[in-house]
Amino acid sequence: MGTIEKLGEKLAIDTIKVQDAIGEDRFYMEVAQVLGAASQSLEEAFLTEIRVRLAERKARDFIAEKLARVQSELEEKVQK
């Protein structure tokens, strides 16, 4: 992993932490604008990391919700 990718990864991790803490789900776009003014390469690496991490989060939430639904349905069947 090169310098740009490492920096993009670190910035993405920190940005998501701040984004979660302040409750602004588009905060990363503000960070991307700041990056884009200075380095388009770093902006691209950052946005790739953000998108991948947010997509992974959505997928994990979907999996957890599906599992909870199935478990609930199974419990209902057992109780009947």
N, C-alpha and C. Protein backbone atom coordinates (compact mmCIF):
# COMPACT_ATOMS: atom_id res chain seq x y z
N MET A 1 0.85 -1.17 0.00
CA MET A 1 0.00 0.00 0.00
C MET A 1 0.90 1.24 0.00
N GLY A 2 0.61 2.15 -0.91
CA GLY A 2 1.41 3.37 -1.02
C GLY A 2 1.01 4.43 -0.02
N THR A 3 1.76 5.49 -0.04
CA THR A 3 1.53 6.60 0.89
C THR A 3 0.12 7.18 0.75
N ILE A 4 -0.33 7.39 -0.48
CA ILE A 4 -1.65 7.98 -0.69
C ILE A 4 -2.75 7.07 -0.14
N GLU A 5 -2.62 5.78 -0.39
CA GLU A 5 -3.62 4.84 0.11
C GLU A 5 -3.62 4.78 1.63
N LYS A 6 -2.43 4.80 2.23
CA LYS A 6 -2.34 4.78 3.70
C LYS A 6 -2.97 6.03 4.30
N LEU A 7 -2.66 7.17 3.72
CA LEU A 7 -3.23 8.41 4.23
C LEU A 7 -4.74 8.45 4.02
N GLY A 8 -5.20 7.99 2.86
CA GLY A 8 -6.64 7.94 2.59
C GLY A 8 -7.35 7.05 3.59
N GLU A 9 -6.72 5.91 3.91
CA GLU A 9 -7.31 4.99 4.89
C GLU A 9 -7.40 5.63 6.27
N LYS A 10 -6.31 6.24 6.71
CA LYS A 10 -6.30 6.87 8.04
C LYS A 10 -7.32 8.01 8.12
N LEU A 11 -7.36 8.82 7.07
CA LEU A 11 -8.34 9.91 7.06
C LEU A 11 -9.77 9.39 7.07
N ALA A 12 -10.02 8.33 6.34
CA ALA A 12 -11.37 7.75 6.31
C ALA A 12 -11.78 7.24 7.68
N ILE A 13 -10.88 6.54 8.34
CA ILE A 13 -11.18 6.01 9.68
C ILE A 13 -11.50 7.16 10.64
N ASP A 14 -10.65 8.18 10.64
CA ASP A 14 -10.87 9.32 11.53
C ASP A 14 -12.14 10.08 11.18
N THR A 15 -12.39 10.25 9.90
CA THR A 15 -13.58 10.98 9.46
C THR A 15 -14.85 10.25 9.86
N ILE A 16 -14.88 8.95 9.70
CA ILE A 16 -16.07 8.19 10.08
C ILE A 16 -16.30 8.27 11.59
N LYS A 17 -15.24 8.25 12.37
CA LYS A 17 -15.39 8.40 13.82
C LYS A 17 -16.02 9.75 14.16
N VAL A 18 -15.51 10.82 13.55
CA VAL A 18 -16.06 12.15 13.80
C VAL A 18 -17.49 12.23 13.28
N GLN A 19 -17.71 11.71 12.10
CA GLN A 19 -19.05 11.71 11.50
C GLN A 19 -20.06 11.05 12.41
N ASP A 20 -19.70 9.91 12.98
CA ASP A 20 -20.60 9.21 13.90
C ASP A 20 -20.83 10.04 15.17
N ALA A 21 -19.76 10.66 15.66
CA ALA A 21 -19.85 11.42 16.91
C ALA A 21 -20.73 12.66 16.76
N ILE A 22 -20.65 13.32 15.60
CA ILE A 22 -21.42 14.55 15.42
C ILE A 22 -22.77 14.32 14.74
N GLY A 23 -23.00 13.12 14.26
CA GLY A 23 -24.29 12.79 13.67
C GLY A 23 -24.55 13.39 12.30
N GLU A 24 -23.50 13.72 11.58
CA GLU A 24 -23.66 14.25 10.23
C GLU A 24 -23.18 13.20 9.23
N ASP A 25 -24.13 12.56 8.56
CA ASP A 25 -23.78 11.44 7.69
C ASP A 25 -23.11 11.84 6.39
N ARG A 26 -23.02 13.11 6.10
CA ARG A 26 -22.34 13.58 4.87
C ARG A 26 -21.10 14.41 5.19
N PHE A 27 -20.63 14.35 6.42
CA PHE A 27 -19.44 15.10 6.82
C PHE A 27 -18.24 14.75 5.93
N TYR A 28 -18.16 13.50 5.51
CA TYR A 28 -17.03 13.07 4.69
C TYR A 28 -16.94 13.87 3.39
N MET A 29 -18.07 14.38 2.89
CA MET A 29 -18.04 15.19 1.67
C MET A 29 -17.35 16.52 1.90
N GLU A 30 -17.50 17.08 3.09
CA GLU A 30 -16.80 18.31 3.41
C GLU A 30 -15.29 18.08 3.46
N VAL A 31 -14.91 16.95 4.06
CA VAL A 31 -13.50 16.59 4.12
C VAL A 31 -12.96 16.38 2.71
N ALA A 32 -13.74 15.72 1.86
CA ALA A 32 -13.33 15.48 0.48
C ALA A 32 -13.11 16.79 -0.28
N GLN A 33 -13.94 17.79 -0.02
CA GLN A 33 -13.76 19.08 -0.68
C GLN A 33 -12.44 19.73 -0.29
N VAL A 34 -12.12 19.65 0.99
CA VAL A 34 -10.85 20.20 1.46
C VAL A 34 -9.69 19.46 0.80
N LEU A 35 -9.79 18.14 0.75
CA LEU A 35 -8.74 17.34 0.12
C LEU A 35 -8.62 17.65 -1.37
N GLY A 36 -9.74 17.74 -2.04
CA GLY A 36 -9.74 17.97 -3.48
C GLY A 36 -9.06 19.26 -3.87
N ALA A 37 -9.16 20.26 -3.02
CA ALA A 37 -8.50 21.54 -3.30
C ALA A 37 -6.98 21.42 -3.22
N ALA A 38 -6.51 20.44 -2.45
CA ALA A 38 -5.07 20.29 -2.26
C ALA A 38 -4.48 19.12 -3.06
N SER A 39 -5.22 18.02 -3.15
CA SER A 39 -4.70 16.83 -3.81
C SER A 39 -5.84 15.95 -4.30
N GLN A 40 -6.04 15.92 -5.60
CA GLN A 40 -7.10 15.08 -6.16
C GLN A 40 -6.79 13.61 -5.95
N SER A 41 -5.52 13.25 -5.97
CA SER A 41 -5.16 11.84 -5.76
C SER A 41 -5.54 11.38 -4.36
N LEU A 42 -5.25 12.21 -3.36
CA LEU A 42 -5.60 11.85 -1.99
C LEU A 42 -7.11 11.88 -1.81
N GLU A 43 -7.78 12.80 -2.46
CA GLU A 43 -9.24 12.85 -2.38
C GLU A 43 -9.85 11.55 -2.92
N GLU A 44 -9.35 11.06 -4.04
CA GLU A 44 -9.86 9.83 -4.62
C GLU A 44 -9.62 8.63 -3.71
N ALA A 45 -8.43 8.55 -3.14
CA ALA A 45 -8.11 7.45 -2.23
C ALA A 45 -9.00 7.51 -0.99
N PHE A 46 -9.20 8.71 -0.47
CA PHE A 46 -10.05 8.92 0.70
C PHE A 46 -11.49 8.49 0.41
N LEU A 47 -12.04 8.96 -0.72
CA LEU A 47 -13.42 8.63 -1.06
C LEU A 47 -13.61 7.14 -1.30
N THR A 48 -12.62 6.51 -1.89
CA THR A 48 -12.70 5.05 -2.07
C THR A 48 -12.78 4.36 -0.72
N GLU A 49 -11.92 4.75 0.21
CA GLU A 49 -11.93 4.16 1.55
C GLU A 49 -13.25 4.42 2.26
N ILE A 50 -13.76 5.63 2.16
CA ILE A 50 -15.04 5.98 2.79
C ILE A 50 -16.16 5.10 2.22
N ARG A 51 -16.24 5.04 0.91
CA ARG A 51 -17.32 4.28 0.27
C ARG A 51 -17.28 2.80 0.65
N VAL A 52 -16.08 2.25 0.64
CA VAL A 52 -15.94 0.83 0.99
C VAL A 52 -16.36 0.60 2.43
N ARG A 53 -15.92 1.45 3.33
CA ARG A 53 -16.24 1.27 4.75
C ARG A 53 -17.73 1.48 5.03
N LEU A 54 -18.32 2.48 4.40
CA LEU A 54 -19.76 2.71 4.60
C LEU A 54 -20.59 1.59 3.98
N ALA A 55 -20.15 1.08 2.84
CA ALA A 55 -20.86 -0.04 2.21
C ALA A 55 -20.76 -1.28 3.09
N GLU A 56 -19.59 -1.52 3.65
CA GLU A 56 -19.40 -2.68 4.54
C GLU A 56 -20.30 -2.54 5.76
N ARG A 57 -20.40 -1.34 6.29
CA ARG A 57 -21.26 -1.10 7.45
C ARG A 57 -22.72 -1.41 7.12
N LYS A 58 -23.18 -0.94 5.94
CA LYS A 58 -24.55 -1.21 5.53
C LYS A 58 -24.80 -2.70 5.36
N ALA A 59 -23.85 -3.39 4.78
CA ALA A 59 -24.00 -4.84 4.58
C ALA A 59 -24.07 -5.55 5.92
N ARG A 60 -23.23 -5.18 6.86
CA ARG A 60 -23.25 -5.81 8.19
C ARG A 60 -24.55 -5.53 8.92
N ASP A 61 -25.07 -4.30 8.80
CA ASP A 61 -26.36 -3.97 9.39
C ASP A 61 -27.47 -4.83 8.79
N PHE A 62 -27.44 -4.99 7.47
CA PHE A 62 -28.43 -5.82 6.78
C PHE A 62 -28.37 -7.26 7.26
N ILE A 63 -27.17 -7.79 7.37
CA ILE A 63 -26.99 -9.17 7.84
C ILE A 63 -27.51 -9.33 9.26
N ALA A 64 -27.18 -8.38 10.14
CA ALA A 64 -27.62 -8.46 11.53
C ALA A 64 -29.14 -8.37 11.63
N GLU A 65 -29.75 -7.49 10.85
CA GLU A 65 -31.21 -7.36 10.86
C GLU A 65 -31.89 -8.62 10.34
N LYS A 66 -31.34 -9.19 9.29
CA LYS A 66 -31.89 -10.42 8.72
C LYS A 66 -31.81 -11.56 9.73
N LEU A 67 -30.67 -11.69 10.38
CA LEU A 67 -30.49 -12.74 11.39
C LEU A 67 -31.46 -12.55 12.54
N ALA A 68 -31.62 -11.32 13.00
CA ALA A 68 -32.55 -11.05 14.10
C ALA A 68 -33.98 -11.40 13.70
N ARG A 69 -34.36 -11.09 12.47
CA ARG A 69 -35.70 -11.41 11.98
C ARG A 69 -35.92 -12.91 11.93
N VAL A 70 -34.96 -13.62 11.39
CA VAL A 70 -35.09 -15.08 11.28
C VAL A 70 -35.14 -15.72 12.66
N GLN A 71 -34.30 -15.25 13.58
CA GLN A 71 -34.32 -15.80 14.94
C GLN A 71 -35.65 -15.53 15.61
N SER A 72 -36.19 -14.35 15.40
CA SER A 72 -37.49 -14.00 15.99
C SER A 72 -38.59 -14.90 15.43
N GLU A 73 -38.55 -15.14 14.13
CA GLU A 73 -39.55 -16.01 13.51
C GLU A 73 -39.44 -17.44 14.04
N LEU A 74 -38.22 -17.91 14.22
CA LEU A 74 -38.02 -19.25 14.76
C LEU A 74 -38.53 -19.36 16.20
N GLU A 75 -38.28 -18.32 16.99
CA GLU A 75 -38.76 -18.32 18.38
C GLU A 75 -40.28 -18.34 18.43
N GLU A 76 -40.91 -17.60 17.52
CA GLU A 76 -42.37 -17.57 17.46
C GLU A 76 -42.92 -18.95 17.13
N LYS A 77 -42.28 -19.65 16.21
CA LYS A 77 -42.71 -21.00 15.82
C LYS A 77 -42.56 -21.97 16.97
N VAL A 78 -41.49 -21.85 17.72
CA VAL A 78 -41.25 -22.75 18.86
C VAL A 78 -42.28 -22.52 19.95
N GLN A 79 -42.68 -21.27 20.16
CA GLN A 79 -43.64 -20.94 21.22
C GLN A 79 -45.05 -21.41 20.87
N LYS A 80 -45.34 -21.63 19.60
CA LYS A 80 -46.70 -22.03 19.19
C LYS A 80 -46.94 -23.47 19.38
